[in-house]
Amino acid sequence: MEIRQAQTADFAVVKEITHKTITDIYPHYYPAGTVMFFLKHHSDENITADISAGRVYLIYNDEQEPVGTVTIKENEICRWFVLPKQQGNGCGRELIVFAENEISRTYDEITADASLPGKPIYLKRGYTVTEYRDIKTYLGDHLCYEVLKKKAEKSSV
């Protein structure tokens, strides 16, 4: 596996990984209005802005196919997605370790807004819940999530 910074030409790949994961996985955890919220939140404009700012990374499998993405905004891990068919093979772990190591170069603390499917992974990695949030989304649905934090330190896979 190899992790590379996403370039402008990678926009469609980052969007496909993000939206495919949301549409395939999130309906098992969230109501329709909240899934719609996630898709809109990860809009073309937001993805493009993050790629242009140099905050987006892609992980490639052994066949050099992009299978996951992560966005690092200062000390926050954002947009961490692995294609559903690739989940369980270590790509997600590689991405989060990479993001933690990048953040630890500059910051003493790492933060993340945890989705329901991602929260157990963060907890296993030593993150603690620091805040609960609730956003009203579409169709009268709500997105309930927690902010997680962890002391920054070099991690290993």
Protein backbone atom coordinates (compact mmCIF):
# COMPACT_ATOMS: atom_id res chain seq x y z
CA MET A 1 0.00 0.00 0.00
CA GLU A 2 1.11 3.52 -0.75
CA ILE A 3 -0.26 6.88 0.41
CA ARG A 4 0.07 9.94 -1.82
CA GLN A 5 -1.18 13.49 -1.61
CA ALA A 6 -4.20 13.98 -3.87
CA GLN A 7 -3.82 16.29 -6.85
CA THR A 8 -6.48 18.28 -8.70
CA ALA A 9 -6.72 15.46 -11.24
CA ASP A 10 -7.71 13.09 -8.39
CA PHE A 11 -10.93 14.98 -7.57
CA ALA A 12 -13.24 12.39 -9.17
CA VAL A 13 -11.50 9.55 -7.33
CA VAL A 14 -11.74 11.26 -3.94
CA LYS A 15 -15.40 12.05 -4.55
CA GLU A 16 -16.16 8.48 -5.72
CA ILE A 17 -14.51 6.91 -2.65
CA THR A 18 -16.27 9.33 -0.31
CA HIS A 19 -19.74 9.14 -1.86
CA LYS A 20 -19.60 5.37 -2.50
CA THR A 21 -18.75 4.74 1.14
CA ILE A 22 -21.47 7.08 2.38
CA THR A 23 -24.18 5.63 0.12
CA ASP A 24 -23.25 2.00 0.81
CA ILE A 25 -22.40 2.07 4.52
CA TYR A 26 -24.13 5.03 6.17
CA PRO A 27 -27.76 3.93 5.51
CA HIS A 28 -27.09 1.08 7.96
CA TYR A 29 -26.37 3.65 10.68
CA TYR A 30 -28.25 6.84 9.80
CA PRO A 31 -31.68 7.92 8.52
CA ALA A 32 -32.05 9.15 4.91
CA GLY A 33 -31.93 12.86 5.78
CA THR A 34 -28.63 12.42 7.54
CA VAL A 35 -27.13 10.45 4.65
CA MET A 36 -28.20 13.31 2.37
CA PHE A 37 -26.48 15.74 4.76
CA PHE A 38 -23.21 13.78 4.57
CA LEU A 39 -23.31 13.72 0.77
CA LYS A 40 -23.92 17.48 0.61
CA HIS A 41 -21.25 18.15 3.24
CA HIS A 42 -18.73 16.31 1.07
CA SER A 43 -19.64 18.44 -1.94
CA ASP A 44 -17.59 19.08 -5.05
CA GLU A 45 -16.66 22.51 -3.66
CA ASN A 46 -15.49 21.17 -0.29
CA ILE A 47 -13.49 18.33 -1.81
CA THR A 48 -11.91 20.65 -4.41
CA ALA A 49 -10.99 23.22 -1.75
CA ASP A 50 -9.33 20.58 0.41
CA ILE A 51 -7.37 19.10 -2.51
CA SER A 52 -6.24 22.59 -3.56
CA ALA A 53 -5.08 23.27 0.00
CA GLY A 54 -2.98 20.07 0.00
CA ARG A 55 -5.00 18.45 2.77
CA VAL A 56 -6.23 15.30 0.97
CA TYR A 57 -4.44 11.97 0.66
CA LEU A 58 -5.23 8.75 -1.18
CA ILE A 59 -4.16 5.22 -0.35
CA TYR A 60 -3.44 2.81 -3.19
CA ASN A 61 -3.63 -0.96 -2.96
CA ASP A 62 -0.95 -3.31 -4.32
CA GLU A 63 -2.48 -3.02 -7.80
CA GLN A 64 -2.03 0.78 -7.58
CA GLU A 65 -5.78 1.39 -7.42
CA PRO A 66 -6.96 4.20 -5.11
CA VAL A 67 -9.12 2.60 -2.41
CA GLY A 68 -9.29 5.13 0.42
CA THR A 69 -8.89 8.77 1.35
CA VAL A 70 -8.24 10.97 4.36
CA THR A 71 -8.22 14.73 4.80
CA ILE A 72 -6.06 16.43 7.43
CA LYS A 73 -7.10 19.93 8.52
CA GLU A 74 -4.58 21.25 11.03
CA ASN A 75 -4.95 18.79 13.94
CA GLU A 76 -8.21 17.22 12.75
CA ILE A 77 -8.76 13.98 10.86
CA CYS A 78 -11.58 14.50 8.35
CA ARG A 79 -13.09 12.70 5.37
CA TRP A 80 -11.63 9.30 6.28
CA PHE A 81 -13.18 6.75 3.94
CA VAL A 82 -12.25 3.37 2.48
CA LEU A 83 -14.24 1.80 -0.34
CA PRO A 84 -16.67 -0.76 1.12
CA LYS A 85 -15.13 -3.67 -0.81
CA GLN A 86 -11.69 -2.76 0.54
CA GLN A 87 -12.67 -2.45 4.19
CA GLY A 88 -11.07 -4.93 6.55
CA ASN A 89 -7.76 -5.21 4.68
CA GLY A 90 -5.77 -2.63 6.65
CA CYS A 91 -6.17 0.41 4.38
CA GLY A 92 -8.18 2.34 6.95
CA ARG A 93 -5.61 1.63 9.64
CA GLU A 94 -2.78 2.74 7.33
CA LEU A 95 -4.62 5.99 6.59
CA ILE A 96 -5.35 6.83 10.22
CA VAL A 97 -1.77 6.05 11.30
CA PHE A 98 -0.52 8.27 8.47
CA ALA A 99 -2.86 11.09 9.49
CA GLU A 100 -1.91 10.80 13.17
CA ASN A 101 1.80 10.89 12.31
CA GLU A 102 1.35 13.92 10.05
CA ILE A 103 -0.58 15.78 12.74
CA SER A 104 1.90 14.83 15.48
CA ARG A 105 4.66 16.68 13.62
CA THR A 106 3.01 20.00 14.50
CA TYR A 107 0.33 19.47 17.13
CA ASP A 108 0.08 17.95 20.61
CA GLU A 109 -3.51 16.80 20.19
CA ILE A 110 -5.48 15.06 17.44
CA THR A 111 -9.20 15.56 17.04
CA ALA A 112 -11.93 13.92 14.96
CA ASP A 113 -15.69 14.09 14.60
CA ALA A 114 -16.62 10.43 14.80
CA SER A 115 -19.29 8.90 12.61
CA LEU A 116 -21.05 5.88 14.06
CA PRO A 117 -19.14 3.38 11.88
CA GLY A 118 -15.80 5.05 12.62
CA LYS A 119 -16.16 5.62 16.36
CA PRO A 120 -15.14 2.09 17.49
CA ILE A 121 -11.91 2.36 15.50
CA TYR A 122 -11.02 5.69 17.08
CA LEU A 123 -11.77 4.34 20.55
CA LYS A 124 -9.51 1.32 19.96
CA ARG A 125 -6.73 3.75 18.99
CA GLY A 126 -6.94 5.55 22.31
CA TYR A 127 -9.24 8.47 21.50
CA THR A 128 -11.63 9.70 24.16
CA VAL A 129 -15.01 11.36 23.76
CA THR A 130 -14.86 15.04 24.67
CA GLU A 131 -18.12 16.43 23.35
CA TYR A 132 -21.54 15.41 22.02
CA ARG A 133 -23.14 17.27 19.11
CA ASP A 134 -26.49 17.16 17.35
CA ILE A 135 -27.22 18.73 13.95
CA LYS A 136 -30.69 18.85 12.42
CA THR A 137 -30.34 17.53 8.88
CA TYR A 138 -32.81 16.94 6.06
CA LEU A 139 -36.28 15.39 6.31
CA GLY A 140 -36.40 16.29 10.02
CA ASP A 141 -33.60 13.82 10.79
CA HIS A 142 -30.66 14.44 13.10
CA LEU A 143 -26.96 13.73 12.96
CA CYS A 144 -25.78 12.87 16.45
CA TYR A 145 -22.03 12.47 16.79
CA GLU A 146 -19.16 12.89 19.19
CA VAL A 147 -15.92 14.81 19.07
CA LEU A 148 -12.96 12.60 19.96
CA LYS A 149 -9.46 13.61 21.00
CA LYS A 150 -6.14 11.91 21.52
CA LYS A 151 -2.69 13.02 22.60
CA ALA A 152 -0.50 13.26 19.51
CA GLU A 153 2.38 10.81 19.37
CA LYS A 154 4.07 8.74 16.72
CA SER A 155 1.99 5.67 15.95
CA SER A 156 2.82 2.43 14.29
CA VAL A 157 0.69 0.17 12.15
